[in-house]
Amino acid sequence: MIASGFQSLALCFRLFIQSGVLAESSLGSPGIDELRWLAPVRPGDTLHTEIEVLEVRPSKSKPDRGIARLRYHAVNQRHEVVLSLIINHLLLRKPAD
């Protein structure tokens, strides 16, 4: 038996949301890129999420917003990457001091 790929994706994103990293600034997401299921998730597996910032840039049309491209990896207890994706996050920017 294995978990559905979308169950694994939901768990991966839930772990990130619970971290609170973007709680103050997130405005949503214009989309997901490069979603890949690389290995099955089996009953009893323990997953954690690793995140890499790929790019941060200001919005072209709204100066109070920016876009961050983050690569997510869900990794099991055997250190195997089971899921990989890139999410584009729409974020509030801090005002310049």
PDB file of N, CA and C in Angstrom:
ATOM      1  N   MET A   1       0.846  -1.168   0.000  1.00  0.00           N
ATOM      2  CA  MET A   1       0.000   0.000   0.000  1.00  0.00           C
ATOM      3  C   MET A   1       0.902   1.244   0.000  1.00  0.00           C
ATOM      4  N   ILE A   2       0.490   2.263  -0.748  1.00  0.00           N
ATOM      5  CA  ILE A   2       1.218   3.532  -0.768  1.00  0.00           C
ATOM      6  C   ILE A   2       0.216   4.680  -0.687  1.00  0.00           C
ATOM      7  N   ALA A   3       0.703   5.842  -0.261  1.00  0.00           N
ATOM      8  CA  ALA A   3      -0.139   7.034  -0.188  1.00  0.00           C
ATOM      9  C   ALA A   3      -0.297   7.624  -1.586  1.00  0.00           C
ATOM     10  N   SER A   4      -1.424   8.240  -1.827  1.00  0.00           N
ATOM     11  CA  SER A   4      -1.644   8.970  -3.073  1.00  0.00           C
ATOM     12  C   SER A   4      -0.624  10.101  -3.171  1.00  0.00           C
ATOM     13  N   GLY A   5      -0.210  10.410  -4.390  1.00  0.00           N
ATOM     14  CA  GLY A   5       0.720  11.516  -4.585  1.00  0.00           C
ATOM     15  C   GLY A   5       0.178  12.831  -4.062  1.00  0.00           C
ATOM     16  N   PHE A   6      -1.128  13.048  -4.223  1.00  0.00           N
ATOM     17  CA  PHE A   6      -1.704  14.299  -3.742  1.00  0.00           C
ATOM     18  C   PHE A   6      -1.807  14.330  -2.221  1.00  0.00           C
ATOM     19  N   GLN A   7      -1.948  13.179  -1.570  1.00  0.00           N
ATOM     20  CA  GLN A   7      -1.873  13.141  -0.107  1.00  0.00           C
ATOM     21  C   GLN A   7      -0.476  13.555   0.345  1.00  0.00           C
ATOM     22  N   SER A   8       0.528  13.049  -0.331  1.00  0.00           N
ATOM     23  CA  SER A   8       1.911  13.407   0.005  1.00  0.00           C
ATOM     24  C   SER A   8       2.150  14.899  -0.207  1.00  0.00           C
ATOM     25  N   LEU A   9       1.634  15.447  -1.305  1.00  0.00           N
ATOM     26  CA  LEU A   9       1.762  16.875  -1.578  1.00  0.00           C
ATOM     27  C   LEU A   9       1.078  17.698  -0.491  1.00  0.00           C
ATOM     28  N   ALA A  10      -0.135  17.311  -0.106  1.00  0.00           N
ATOM     29  CA  ALA A  10      -0.870  18.037   0.932  1.00  0.00           C
ATOM     30  C   ALA A  10      -0.110  18.016   2.256  1.00  0.00           C
ATOM     31  N   LEU A  11       0.454  16.879   2.605  1.00  0.00           N
ATOM     32  CA  LEU A  11       1.221  16.776   3.845  1.00  0.00           C
ATOM     33  C   LEU A  11       2.466  17.654   3.785  1.00  0.00           C
ATOM     34  N   CYS A  12       3.167  17.627   2.674  1.00  0.00           N
ATOM     35  CA  CYS A  12       4.365  18.447   2.493  1.00  0.00           C
ATOM     36  C   CYS A  12       4.030  19.926   2.690  1.00  0.00           C
ATOM     37  N   PHE A  13       2.970  20.385   2.059  1.00  0.00           N
ATOM     38  CA  PHE A  13       2.609  21.794   2.162  1.00  0.00           C
ATOM     39  C   PHE A  13       2.103  22.131   3.562  1.00  0.00           C
ATOM     40  N   ARG A  14       1.380  21.208   4.191  1.00  0.00           N
ATOM     41  CA  ARG A  14       0.915  21.424   5.567  1.00  0.00           C
ATOM     42  C   ARG A  14       2.096  21.634   6.512  1.00  0.00           C
ATOM     43  N   LEU A  15       3.141  20.826   6.375  1.00  0.00           N
ATOM     44  CA  LEU A  15       4.326  20.980   7.217  1.00  0.00           C
ATOM     45  C   LEU A  15       4.930  22.370   7.054  1.00  0.00           C
ATOM     46  N   PHE A  16       4.963  22.865   5.816  1.00  0.00           N
ATOM     47  CA  PHE A  16       5.500  24.196   5.576  1.00  0.00           C
ATOM     48  C   PHE A  16       4.603  25.271   6.192  1.00  0.00           C
ATOM     49  N   ILE A  17       3.311  25.173   5.999  1.00  0.00           N
ATOM     50  CA  ILE A  17       2.380  26.163   6.553  1.00  0.00           C
ATOM     51  C   ILE A  17       2.487  26.200   8.072  1.00  0.00           C
ATOM     52  N   GLN A  18       2.570  25.036   8.704  1.00  0.00           N
ATOM     53  CA  GLN A  18       2.669  24.976  10.163  1.00  0.00           C
ATOM     54  C   GLN A  18       3.959  25.607  10.682  1.00  0.00           C
ATOM     55  N   SER A  19       4.976  25.698   9.852  1.00  0.00           N
ATOM     56  CA  SER A  19       6.225  26.333  10.283  1.00  0.00           C
ATOM     57  C   SER A  19       6.027  27.828  10.515  1.00  0.00           C
ATOM     58  N   GLY A  20       5.026  28.422   9.879  1.00  0.00           N
ATOM     59  CA  GLY A  20       4.730  29.838  10.061  1.00  0.00           C
ATOM     60  C   GLY A  20       5.663  30.786   9.322  1.00  0.00           C
ATOM     61  N   VAL A  21       6.511  30.269   8.465  1.00  0.00           N
ATOM     62  CA  VAL A  21       7.516  31.093   7.788  1.00  0.00           C
ATOM     63  C   VAL A  21       6.883  32.256   7.017  1.00  0.00           C
ATOM     64  N   LEU A  22       5.800  32.019   6.324  1.00  0.00           N
ATOM     65  CA  LEU A  22       5.177  33.069   5.516  1.00  0.00           C
ATOM     66  C   LEU A  22       3.852  33.569   6.092  1.00  0.00           C
ATOM     67  N   ALA A  23       3.592  33.285   7.347  1.00  0.00           N
ATOM     68  CA  ALA A  23       2.284  33.596   7.938  1.00  0.00           C
ATOM     69  C   ALA A  23       1.925  35.075   7.855  1.00  0.00           C
ATOM     70  N   GLU A  24       2.897  35.956   8.003  1.00  0.00           N
ATOM     71  CA  GLU A  24       2.628  37.395   8.024  1.00  0.00           C
ATOM     72  C   GLU A  24       2.555  38.009   6.630  1.00  0.00           C
ATOM     73  N   SER A  25       3.118  37.344   5.633  1.00  0.00           N
ATOM     74  CA  SER A  25       3.284  38.015   4.343  1.00  0.00           C
ATOM     75  C   SER A  25       2.628  37.325   3.148  1.00  0.00           C
ATOM     76  N   SER A  26       2.129  36.119   3.307  1.00  0.00           N
ATOM     77  CA  SER A  26       1.621  35.371   2.159  1.00  0.00           C
ATOM     78  C   SER A  26       0.306  35.937   1.634  1.00  0.00           C
ATOM     79  N   LEU A  27       0.246  36.092   0.317  1.00  0.00           N
ATOM     80  CA  LEU A  27      -0.974  36.540  -0.359  1.00  0.00           C
ATOM     81  C   LEU A  27      -1.508  35.475  -1.312  1.00  0.00           C
ATOM     82  N   GLY A  28      -0.939  34.286  -1.247  1.00  0.00           N
ATOM     83  CA  GLY A  28      -1.381  33.215  -2.133  1.00  0.00           C
ATOM     84  C   GLY A  28      -0.260  32.777  -3.055  1.00  0.00           C
ATOM     85  N   SER A  29      -0.662  32.105  -4.116  1.00  0.00           N
ATOM     86  CA  SER A  29       0.327  31.570  -5.051  1.00  0.00           C
ATOM     87  C   SER A  29      -0.229  31.581  -6.465  1.00  0.00           C
ATOM     88  N   PRO A  30       0.548  32.108  -7.416  1.00  0.00           N
ATOM     89  CA  PRO A  30       0.105  32.037  -8.802  1.00  0.00           C
ATOM     90  C   PRO A  30       0.323  30.672  -9.441  1.00  0.00           C
ATOM     91  N   GLY A  31       0.968  29.739  -8.717  1.00  0.00           N
ATOM     92  CA  GLY A  31       1.068  28.407  -9.298  1.00  0.00           C
ATOM     93  C   GLY A  31       2.238  27.572  -8.818  1.00  0.00           C
ATOM     94  N   ILE A  32       2.191  26.309  -9.228  1.00  0.00           N
ATOM     95  CA  ILE A  32       3.207  25.309  -8.906  1.00  0.00           C
ATOM     96  C   ILE A  32       3.914  24.924 -10.198  1.00  0.00           C
ATOM     97  N   ASP A  33       5.227  24.783 -10.127  1.00  0.00           N
ATOM     98  CA  ASP A  33       6.029  24.334 -11.268  1.00  0.00           C
ATOM     99  C   ASP A  33       6.754  23.043 -10.905  1.00  0.00           C
ATOM    100  N   GLU A  34       7.036  22.243 -11.892  1.00  0.00           N
ATOM    101  CA  GLU A  34       7.923  21.087 -11.757  1.00  0.00           C
ATOM    102  C   GLU A  34       7.542  20.120 -10.635  1.00  0.00           C
ATOM    103  N   LEU A  35       6.287  19.798 -10.496  1.00  0.00           N
ATOM    104  CA  LEU A  35       5.849  18.837  -9.482  1.00  0.00           C
ATOM    105  C   LEU A  35       6.237  17.432  -9.910  1.00  0.00           C
ATOM    106  N   ARG A  36       6.980  16.742  -9.039  1.00  0.00           N
ATOM    107  CA  ARG A  36       7.430  15.380  -9.339  1.00  0.00           C
ATOM    108  C   ARG A  36       7.278  14.494  -8.116  1.00  0.00           C
ATOM    109  N   TRP A  37       6.697  13.325  -8.319  1.00  0.00           N
ATOM    110  CA  TRP A  37       6.655  12.286  -7.288  1.00  0.00           C
ATOM    111  C   TRP A  37       7.800  11.336  -7.596  1.00  0.00           C
ATOM    112  N   LEU A  38       8.767  11.256  -6.712  1.00  0.00           N
ATOM    113  CA  LEU A  38      10.009  10.539  -7.002  1.00  0.00           C
ATOM    114  C   LEU A  38      10.099   9.157  -6.371  1.00  0.00           C
ATOM    115  N   ALA A  39       9.336   8.930  -5.306  1.00  0.00           N
ATOM    116  CA  ALA A  39       9.352   7.627  -4.629  1.00  0.00           C
ATOM    117  C   ALA A  39       8.033   7.475  -3.881  1.00  0.00           C
ATOM    118  N   PRO A  40       7.569   6.251  -3.669  1.00  0.00           N
ATOM    119  CA  PRO A  40       6.313   6.057  -2.950  1.00  0.00           C
ATOM    120  C   PRO A  40       6.445   6.388  -1.465  1.00  0.00           C
ATOM    121  N   VAL A  41       5.341   6.853  -0.892  1.00  0.00           N
ATOM    122  CA  VAL A  41       5.247   7.053   0.559  1.00  0.00           C
ATOM    123  C   VAL A  41       4.427   5.892   1.092  1.00  0.00           C
ATOM    124  N   ARG A  42       5.014   5.167   2.015  1.00  0.00           N
ATOM    125  CA  ARG A  42       4.404   3.938   2.527  1.00  0.00           C
ATOM    126  C   ARG A  42       3.916   4.128   3.959  1.00  0.00           C
ATOM    127  N   PRO A  43       2.977   3.286   4.404  1.00  0.00           N
ATOM    128  CA  PRO A  43       2.531   3.360   5.801  1.00  0.00           C
ATOM    129  C   PRO A  43       3.737   3.279   6.741  1.00  0.00           C
ATOM    130  N   GLY A  44       3.746   4.143   7.739  1.00  0.00           N
ATOM    131  CA  GLY A  44       4.833   4.167   8.708  1.00  0.00           C
ATOM    132  C   GLY A  44       5.972   5.101   8.348  1.00  0.00           C
ATOM    133  N   ASP A  45       5.988   5.617   7.106  1.00  0.00           N
ATOM    134  CA  ASP A  45       7.042   6.561   6.738  1.00  0.00           C
ATOM    135  C   ASP A  45       6.896   7.848   7.542  1.00  0.00           C
ATOM    136  N   THR A  46       8.015   8.458   7.844  1.00  0.00           N
ATOM    137  CA  THR A  46       8.066   9.753   8.510  1.00  0.00           C
ATOM    138  C   THR A  46       8.665  10.738   7.522  1.00  0.00           C
ATOM    139  N   LEU A  47       7.950  11.834   7.282  1.00  0.00           N
ATOM    140  CA  LEU A  47       8.407  12.819   6.303  1.00  0.00           C
ATOM    141  C   LEU A  47       8.761  14.135   6.971  1.00  0.00           C
ATOM    142  N   HIS A  48       9.721  14.813   6.387  1.00  0.00           N
ATOM    143  CA  HIS A  48       9.975  16.206   6.742  1.00  0.00           C
ATOM    144  C   HIS A  48      10.160  16.977   5.438  1.00  0.00           C
ATOM    145  N   THR A  49      10.055  18.288   5.528  1.00  0.00           N
ATOM    146  CA  THR A  49      10.137  19.132   4.346  1.00  0.00           C
ATOM    147  C   THR A  49      11.407  19.968   4.385  1.00  0.00           C
ATOM    148  N   GLU A  50      12.117  20.008   3.276  1.00  0.00           N
ATOM    149  CA  GLU A  50      13.279  20.877   3.110  1.00  0.00           C
ATOM    150  C   GLU A  50      12.936  21.899   2.038  1.00  0.00           C
ATOM    151  N   ILE A  51      13.305  23.161   2.286  1.00  0.00           N
ATOM    152  CA  ILE A  51      12.917  24.243   1.384  1.00  0.00           C
ATOM    153  C   ILE A  51      14.148  25.053   1.000  1.00  0.00           C
ATOM    154  N   GLU A  52      14.242  25.375  -0.281  1.00  0.00           N
ATOM    155  CA  GLU A  52      15.348  26.183  -0.803  1.00  0.00           C
ATOM    156  C   GLU A  52      14.753  27.393  -1.518  1.00  0.00           C
ATOM    157  N   VAL A  53      15.251  28.578  -1.207  1.00  0.00           N
ATOM    158  CA  VAL A  53      14.827  29.794  -1.902  1.00  0.00           C
ATOM    159  C   VAL A  53      15.598  29.873  -3.213  1.00  0.00           C
ATOM    160  N   LEU A  54      14.872  29.860  -4.318  1.00  0.00           N
ATOM    161  CA  LEU A  54      15.495  29.915  -5.640  1.00  0.00           C
ATOM    162  C   LEU A  54      15.617  31.334  -6.169  1.00  0.00           C
ATOM    163  N   GLU A  55      14.598  32.151  -5.884  1.00  0.00           N
ATOM    164  CA  GLU A  55      14.570  33.507  -6.436  1.00  0.00           C
ATOM    165  C   GLU A  55      13.593  34.344  -5.635  1.00  0.00           C
ATOM    166  N   VAL A  56      13.936  35.613  -5.441  1.00  0.00           N
ATOM    167  CA  VAL A  56      13.034  36.587  -4.830  1.00  0.00           C
ATOM    168  C   VAL A  56      13.111  37.832  -5.699  1.00  0.00           C
ATOM    169  N   ARG A  57      11.933  38.328  -6.120  1.00  0.00           N
ATOM    170  CA  ARG A  57      11.933  39.512  -6.978  1.00  0.00           C
ATOM    171  C   ARG A  57      10.691  40.355  -6.706  1.00  0.00           C
ATOM    172  N   PRO A  58      10.774  41.656  -6.932  1.00  0.00           N
ATOM    173  CA  PRO A  58       9.595  42.507  -6.763  1.00  0.00           C
ATOM    174  C   PRO A  58       8.593  42.269  -7.882  1.00  0.00           C
ATOM    175  N   SER A  59       7.333  42.531  -7.574  1.00  0.00           N
ATOM    176  CA  SER A  59       6.286  42.463  -8.591  1.00  0.00           C
ATOM    177  C   SER A  59       6.498  43.590  -9.599  1.00  0.00           C
ATOM    178  N   LYS A  60       6.249  43.311 -10.857  1.00  0.00           N
ATOM    179  CA  LYS A  60       6.397  44.334 -11.895  1.00  0.00           C
ATOM    180  C   LYS A  60       5.262  45.352 -11.847  1.00  0.00           C
ATOM    181  N   SER A  61       4.083  44.919 -11.387  1.00  0.00           N
ATOM    182  CA  SER A  61       2.916  45.801 -11.438  1.00  0.00           C
ATOM    183  C   SER A  61       2.513  46.382 -10.082  1.00  0.00           C
ATOM    184  N   LYS A  62       2.937  45.752  -8.980  1.00  0.00           N
ATOM    185  CA  LYS A  62       2.534  46.226  -7.648  1.00  0.00           C
ATOM    186  C   LYS A  62       3.769  46.296  -6.749  1.00  0.00           C
ATOM    187  N   PRO A  63       4.260  47.509  -6.480  1.00  0.00           N
ATOM    188  CA  PRO A  63       5.517  47.649  -5.748  1.00  0.00           C
ATOM    189  C   PRO A  63       5.473  47.170  -4.295  1.00  0.00           C
ATOM    190  N   ASP A  64       4.275  47.001  -3.731  1.00  0.00           N
ATOM    191  CA  ASP A  64       4.180  46.522  -2.342  1.00  0.00           C
ATOM    192  C   ASP A  64       4.191  44.992  -2.256  1.00  0.00           C
ATOM    193  N   ARG A  65       4.401  44.326  -3.395  1.00  0.00           N
ATOM    194  CA  ARG A  65       4.375  42.860  -3.433  1.00  0.00           C
ATOM    195  C   ARG A  65       5.616  42.315  -4.125  1.00  0.00           C
ATOM    196  N   GLY A  66       5.877  41.048  -3.838  1.00  0.00           N
ATOM    197  CA  GLY A  66       6.996  40.379  -4.481  1.00  0.00           C
ATOM    198  C   GLY A  66       6.658  38.921  -4.724  1.00  0.00           C
ATOM    199  N   ILE A  67       7.511  38.255  -5.471  1.00  0.00           N
ATOM    200  CA  ILE A  67       7.321  36.831  -5.756  1.00  0.00           C
ATOM    201  C   ILE A  67       8.574  36.091  -5.308  1.00  0.00           C
ATOM    202  N   ALA A  68       8.357  35.027  -4.556  1.00  0.00           N
ATOM    203  CA  ALA A  68       9.450  34.155  -4.122  1.00  0.00           C
ATOM    204  C   ALA A  68       9.221  32.778  -4.729  1.00  0.00           C
ATOM    205  N   ARG A  69      10.247  32.252  -5.388  1.00  0.00           N
ATOM    206  CA  ARG A  69      10.201  30.880  -5.933  1.00  0.00           C
ATOM    207  C   ARG A  69      10.928  29.979  -4.946  1.00  0.00           C
ATOM    208  N   LEU A  70      10.204  29.009  -4.406  1.00  0.00           N
ATOM    209  CA  LEU A  70      10.769  28.088  -3.422  1.00  0.00           C
ATOM    210  C   LEU A  70      10.693  26.660  -3.932  1.00  0.00           C
ATOM    211  N   ARG A  71      11.791  25.920  -3.751  1.00  0.00           N
ATOM    212  CA  ARG A  71      11.798  24.491  -4.087  1.00  0.00           C
ATOM    213  C   ARG A  71      11.554  23.715  -2.793  1.00  0.00           C
ATOM    214  N   TYR A  72      10.581  22.835  -2.847  1.00  0.00           N
ATOM    215  CA  TYR A  72      10.229  21.981  -1.712  1.00  0.00           C
ATOM    216  C   TYR A  72      10.666  20.555  -2.007  1.00  0.00           C
ATOM    217  N   HIS A  73      11.234  19.907  -1.014  1.00  0.00           N
ATOM    218  CA  HIS A  73      11.498  18.472  -1.070  1.00  0.00           C
ATOM    219  C   HIS A  73      10.848  17.842   0.147  1.00  0.00           C
ATOM    220  N   ALA A  74      10.077  16.792  -0.047  1.00  0.00           N
ATOM    221  CA  ALA A  74       9.609  15.960   1.062  1.00  0.00           C
ATOM    222  C   ALA A  74      10.577  14.788   1.135  1.00  0.00           C
ATOM    223  N   VAL A  75      11.120  14.553   2.330  1.00  0.00           N
ATOM    224  CA  VAL A  75      12.172  13.557   2.523  1.00  0.00           C
ATOM    225  C   VAL A  75      11.712  12.569   3.587  1.00  0.00           C
ATOM    226  N   ASN A  76      11.917  11.283   3.329  1.00  0.00           N
ATOM    227  CA  ASN A  76      11.499  10.269   4.304  1.00  0.00           C
ATOM    228  C   ASN A  76      12.634   9.946   5.280  1.00  0.00           C
ATOM    229  N   GLN A  77      12.344   9.033   6.197  1.00  0.00           N
ATOM    230  CA  GLN A  77      13.304   8.676   7.244  1.00  0.00           C
ATOM    231  C   GLN A  77      14.539   7.958   6.695  1.00  0.00           C
ATOM    232  N   ARG A  78      14.489   7.517   5.463  1.00  0.00           N
ATOM    233  CA  ARG A  78      15.644   6.883   4.813  1.00  0.00           C
ATOM    234  C   ARG A  78      16.446   7.902   3.993  1.00  0.00           C
ATOM    235  N   HIS A  79      16.109   9.193   4.160  1.00  0.00           N
ATOM    236  CA  HIS A  79      16.772  10.307   3.470  1.00  0.00           C
ATOM    237  C   HIS A  79      16.544  10.270   1.959  1.00  0.00           C
ATOM    238  N   GLU A  80      15.428   9.671   1.536  1.00  0.00           N
ATOM    239  CA  GLU A  80      15.044   9.644   0.123  1.00  0.00           C
ATOM    240  C   GLU A  80      14.089  10.808  -0.148  1.00  0.00           C
ATOM    241  N   VAL A  81      14.340  11.549  -1.206  1.00  0.00           N
ATOM    242  CA  VAL A  81      13.404  12.591  -1.621  1.00  0.00           C
ATOM    243  C   VAL A  81      12.232  11.888  -2.302  1.00  0.00           C
ATOM    244  N   VAL A  82      11.036  12.051  -1.733  1.00  0.00           N
ATOM    245  CA  VAL A  82       9.859  11.373  -2.281  1.00  0.00           C
ATOM    246  C   VAL A  82       9.008  12.305  -3.147  1.00  0.00           C
ATOM    247  N   LEU A  83       9.211  13.612  -2.995  1.00  0.00           N
ATOM    248  CA  LEU A  83       8.391  14.602  -3.684  1.00  0.00           C
ATOM    249  C   LEU A  83       9.227  15.856  -3.882  1.00  0.00           C
ATOM    250  N   SER A  84       9.123  16.460  -5.053  1.00  0.00           N
ATOM    251  CA  SER A  84       9.837  17.700  -5.339  1.00  0.00           C
ATOM    252  C   SER A  84       8.913  18.629  -6.116  1.00  0.00           C
ATOM    253  N   LEU A  85       8.901  19.898  -5.756  1.00  0.00           N
ATOM    254  CA  LEU A  85       8.100  20.871  -6.491  1.00  0.00           C
ATOM    255  C   LEU A  85       8.651  22.257  -6.271  1.00  0.00           C
ATOM    256  N   ILE A  86       8.274  23.170  -7.142  1.00  0.00           N
ATOM    257  CA  ILE A  86       8.600  24.580  -6.993  1.00  0.00           C
ATOM    258  C   ILE A  86       7.282  25.331  -6.910  1.00  0.00           C
ATOM    259  N   ILE A  87       7.163  26.169  -5.882  1.00  0.00           N
ATOM    260  CA  ILE A  87       5.958  26.995  -5.716  1.00  0.00           C
ATOM    261  C   ILE A  87       6.360  28.460  -5.821  1.00  0.00           C
ATOM    262  N   ASN A  88       5.583  29.212  -6.566  1.00  0.00           N
ATOM    263  CA  ASN A  88       5.749  30.657  -6.672  1.00  0.00           C
ATOM    264  C   ASN A  88       4.808  31.296  -5.657  1.00  0.00           C
ATOM    265  N   HIS A  89       5.372  31.982  -4.667  1.00  0.00           N
ATOM    266  CA  HIS A  89       4.570  32.608  -3.611  1.00  0.00           C
ATOM    267  C   HIS A  89       4.459  34.106  -3.872  1.00  0.00           C
ATOM    268  N   LEU A  90       3.249  34.634  -3.760  1.00  0.00           N
ATOM    269  CA  LEU A  90       3.011  36.069  -3.823  1.00  0.00           C
ATOM    270  C   LEU A  90       3.062  36.586  -2.390  1.00  0.00           C
ATOM    271  N   LEU A  91       3.946  37.562  -2.132  1.00  0.00           N
ATOM    272  CA  LEU A  91       4.198  38.024  -0.767  1.00  0.00           C
ATOM    273  C   LEU A  91       4.101  39.537  -0.664  1.00  0.00           C
ATOM    274  N   LEU A  92       3.719  40.008   0.526  1.00  0.00           N
ATOM    275  CA  LEU A  92       3.815  41.431   0.826  1.00  0.00           C
ATOM    276  C   LEU A  92       5.277  41.775   1.039  1.00  0.00           C
ATOM    277  N   ARG A  93       5.700  42.931   0.551  1.00  0.00           N
ATOM    278  CA  ARG A  93       7.071  43.398   0.778  1.00  0.00           C
ATOM    279  C   ARG A  93       7.080  44.362   1.947  1.00  0.00           C
ATOM    280  N   LYS A  94       8.160  44.363   2.677  1.00  0.00           N
ATOM    281  CA  LYS A  94       8.330  45.331   3.760  1.00  0.00           C
ATOM    282  C   LYS A  94       8.631  46.687   3.135  1.00  0.00           C
ATOM    283  N   PRO A  95       8.074  47.764   3.724  1.00  0.00           N
ATOM    284  CA  PRO A  95       8.392  49.089   3.186  1.00  0.00           C
ATOM    285  C   PRO A  95       9.868  49.422   3.431  1.00  0.00           C
ATOM    286  N   ALA A  96      10.453  50.184   2.527  1.00  0.00           N
ATOM    287  CA  ALA A  96      11.847  50.616   2.697  1.00  0.00           C
ATOM    288  C   ALA A  96      11.927  51.580   3.873  1.00  0.00           C
ATOM    289  N   ASP A  97      12.973  51.442   4.653  1.00  0.00           N
ATOM    290  CA  ASP A  97      13.150  52.342   5.821  1.00  0.00           C
ATOM    291  C   ASP A  97      13.809  53.632   5.433  1.00  0.00           C
TER     292      ASP A  97
END
